[in-house]
C-alpha atoms as a PDB file:
ATOM      1  CA  MET A   1      -0.140  -0.075   0.253  1.00  0.00           C
ATOM      2  CA  LYS A   2       1.259   3.474  -0.442  1.00  0.00           C
ATOM      3  CA  ALA A   3       1.418   5.997   2.749  1.00  0.00           C
ATOM      4  CA  ILE A   4       2.565   9.471   3.064  1.00  0.00           C
ATOM      5  CA  ILE A   5       4.621   9.532   6.028  1.00  0.00           C
ATOM      6  CA  TYR A   6       7.772  12.041   7.968  1.00  0.00           C
ATOM      7  CA  HIS A   7      10.423  10.961   9.728  1.00  0.00           C
ATOM      8  CA  LYS A   8      11.268  14.979  11.391  1.00  0.00           C
ATOM      9  CA  TYR A   9       9.472  17.560  11.767  1.00  0.00           C
ATOM     10  CA  GLY A  10       8.984  20.296   9.021  1.00  0.00           C
ATOM     11  CA  THR A  11       7.024  22.198   6.543  1.00  0.00           C
ATOM     12  CA  PRO A  12       5.109  19.715   3.863  1.00  0.00           C
ATOM     13  CA  ASP A  13       8.495  19.330   2.038  1.00  0.00           C
ATOM     14  CA  VAL A  14       9.284  16.512   4.419  1.00  0.00           C
ATOM     15  CA  LEU A  15       5.748  14.995   3.374  1.00  0.00           C
ATOM     16  CA  GLU A  16       7.044  11.456   1.376  1.00  0.00           C
ATOM     17  CA  LEU A  17       4.800   9.323  -0.817  1.00  0.00           C
ATOM     18  CA  LYS A  18       6.307   5.630   0.611  1.00  0.00           C
ATOM     19  CA  ASP A  19       5.259   1.827  -0.591  1.00  0.00           C
ATOM     20  CA  THR A  20       4.555   0.189   3.446  1.00  0.00           C
ATOM     21  CA  ASP A  21       2.857  -3.303   4.302  1.00  0.00           C
ATOM     22  CA  LYS A  22      -0.344  -2.798   4.845  1.00  0.00           C
ATOM     23  CA  PRO A  23      -1.143  -2.604   8.950  1.00  0.00           C
ATOM     24  CA  VAL A  24      -2.989  -5.925  10.818  1.00  0.00           C
ATOM     25  CA  PRO A  25      -5.804  -4.189  13.151  1.00  0.00           C
ATOM     26  CA  GLY A  26      -5.807  -5.071  16.903  1.00  0.00           C
ATOM     27  CA  ASP A  27      -8.273  -5.385  19.103  1.00  0.00           C
ATOM     28  CA  ASN A  28     -10.909  -3.055  18.752  1.00  0.00           C
ATOM     29  CA  GLU A  29      -9.305  -1.552  15.628  1.00  0.00           C
ATOM     30  CA  VAL A  30     -10.641  -0.854  12.090  1.00  0.00           C
ATOM     31  CA  LEU A  31      -8.681  -0.911   9.236  1.00  0.00           C
ATOM     32  CA  ILE A  32     -10.210   1.946   6.504  1.00  0.00           C
ATOM     33  CA  LYS A  33      -8.434   2.127   2.832  1.00  0.00           C
ATOM     34  CA  VAL A  34      -8.713   6.111   2.533  1.00  0.00           C
ATOM     35  CA  HIS A  35     -10.294   7.890  -0.339  1.00  0.00           C
ATOM     36  CA  ALA A  36      -9.822  11.659   0.522  1.00  0.00           C
ATOM     37  CA  ALA A  37      -8.809  13.099   3.689  1.00  0.00           C
ATOM     38  CA  ALA A  38      -8.444  16.379   5.145  1.00  0.00           C
ATOM     39  CA  ILE A  39      -5.588  18.410   6.574  1.00  0.00           C
ATOM     40  CA  ASN A  40      -6.618  20.622   9.495  1.00  0.00           C
ATOM     41  CA  ASP A  41      -4.567  22.561  12.153  1.00  0.00           C
ATOM     42  CA  GLN A  42      -4.017  19.756  14.027  1.00  0.00           C
ATOM     43  CA  ASP A  43      -2.055  18.046  11.533  1.00  0.00           C
ATOM     44  CA  ARG A  44      -0.146  20.985  10.818  1.00  0.00           C
ATOM     45  CA  GLY A  45       0.899  21.395  14.748  1.00  0.00           C
ATOM     46  CA  LEU A  46       2.174  17.850  14.150  1.00  0.00           C
ATOM     47  CA  LEU A  47       4.008  18.290  11.416  1.00  0.00           C
ATOM     48  CA  HIS A  48       5.512  21.424  12.635  1.00  0.00           C
ATOM     49  CA  GLY A  49       5.940  19.502  15.973  1.00  0.00           C
ATOM     50  CA  ASP A  50       4.602  22.524  17.649  1.00  0.00           C
ATOM     51  CA  PHE A  51       1.448  20.237  18.901  1.00  0.00           C
ATOM     52  CA  ILE A  52       3.483  17.872  20.669  1.00  0.00           C
ATOM     53  CA  ASN A  53       3.554  19.702  23.766  1.00  0.00           C
ATOM     54  CA  ARG A  54      -0.254  19.772  23.534  1.00  0.00           C
ATOM     55  CA  ILE A  55      -0.131  15.615  23.431  1.00  0.00           C
ATOM     56  CA  LEU A  56       2.462  15.635  26.364  1.00  0.00           C
ATOM     57  CA  ASN A  57       0.475  18.056  28.691  1.00  0.00           C
ATOM     58  CA  GLY A  58      -2.364  15.680  29.151  1.00  0.00           C
ATOM     59  CA  LEU A  59      -4.314  15.420  25.483  1.00  0.00           C
ATOM     60  CA  ARG A  60      -5.084  11.822  25.652  1.00  0.00           C
ATOM     61  CA  SER A  61      -6.360  10.787  22.378  1.00  0.00           C
ATOM     62  CA  LEU A  62      -6.832  12.426  19.285  1.00  0.00           C
ATOM     63  CA  PRO A  63     -10.005  12.761  17.317  1.00  0.00           C
ATOM     64  CA  CYS A  64      -9.990  10.329  13.944  1.00  0.00           C
ATOM     65  CA  PRO A  65      -9.251  13.273  10.951  1.00  0.00           C
ATOM     66  CA  PRO A  66     -11.911  13.754   8.170  1.00  0.00           C
ATOM     67  CA  LEU A  67     -12.006  11.529   6.045  1.00  0.00           C
ATOM     68  CA  ALA A  68     -13.593   9.343   3.405  1.00  0.00           C
ATOM     69  CA  GLY A  69     -13.084   5.428   2.728  1.00  0.00           C
ATOM     70  CA  GLU A  70     -14.328   1.840   3.097  1.00  0.00           C
ATOM     71  CA  VAL A  71     -13.778  -0.349   6.190  1.00  0.00           C
ATOM     72  CA  LEU A  72     -11.592  -3.322   5.283  1.00  0.00           C
ATOM     73  CA  ARG A  73     -11.298  -4.692   8.038  1.00  0.00           C
ATOM     74  CA  LEU A  74     -13.157  -4.578  11.990  1.00  0.00           C
ATOM     75  CA  LYS A  75     -11.653  -6.559  15.008  1.00  0.00           C
ATOM     76  CA  LEU A  76     -13.873  -6.323  18.030  1.00  0.00           C
ATOM     77  CA  SER A  77     -12.963  -8.120  21.320  1.00  0.00           C
ATOM     78  CA  TYR A  78     -15.817  -6.816  23.190  1.00  0.00           C
ATOM     79  CA  LYS A  79     -18.278  -8.352  24.713  1.00  0.00           C
ATOM     80  CA  SER A  80     -21.293  -6.710  25.873  1.00  0.00           C
ATOM     81  CA  GLY A  81     -23.525  -9.061  28.063  1.00  0.00           C
ATOM     82  CA  TRP A  82     -26.447  -8.738  25.902  1.00  0.00           C
ATOM     83  CA  LYS A  83     -28.029 -11.925  25.082  1.00  0.00           C
END
């Protein structure tokens, strides 16, 4: 599969399109084939490295980025107890 990755902080010039192995979802994870994704201020902050301070200071999870795609695999391990 193709993925846009970066190994250092900086401008959009540090982004690279690379071939990579398809990830395998773990328990309670989903694998989505993304057709389109939005870039927002959170992404800009992560790319420049200035958002890292918010993560280190108590932001526990990031919301799902706006995207359009299809679910390829869903792996749920939750047992609800409903009968």
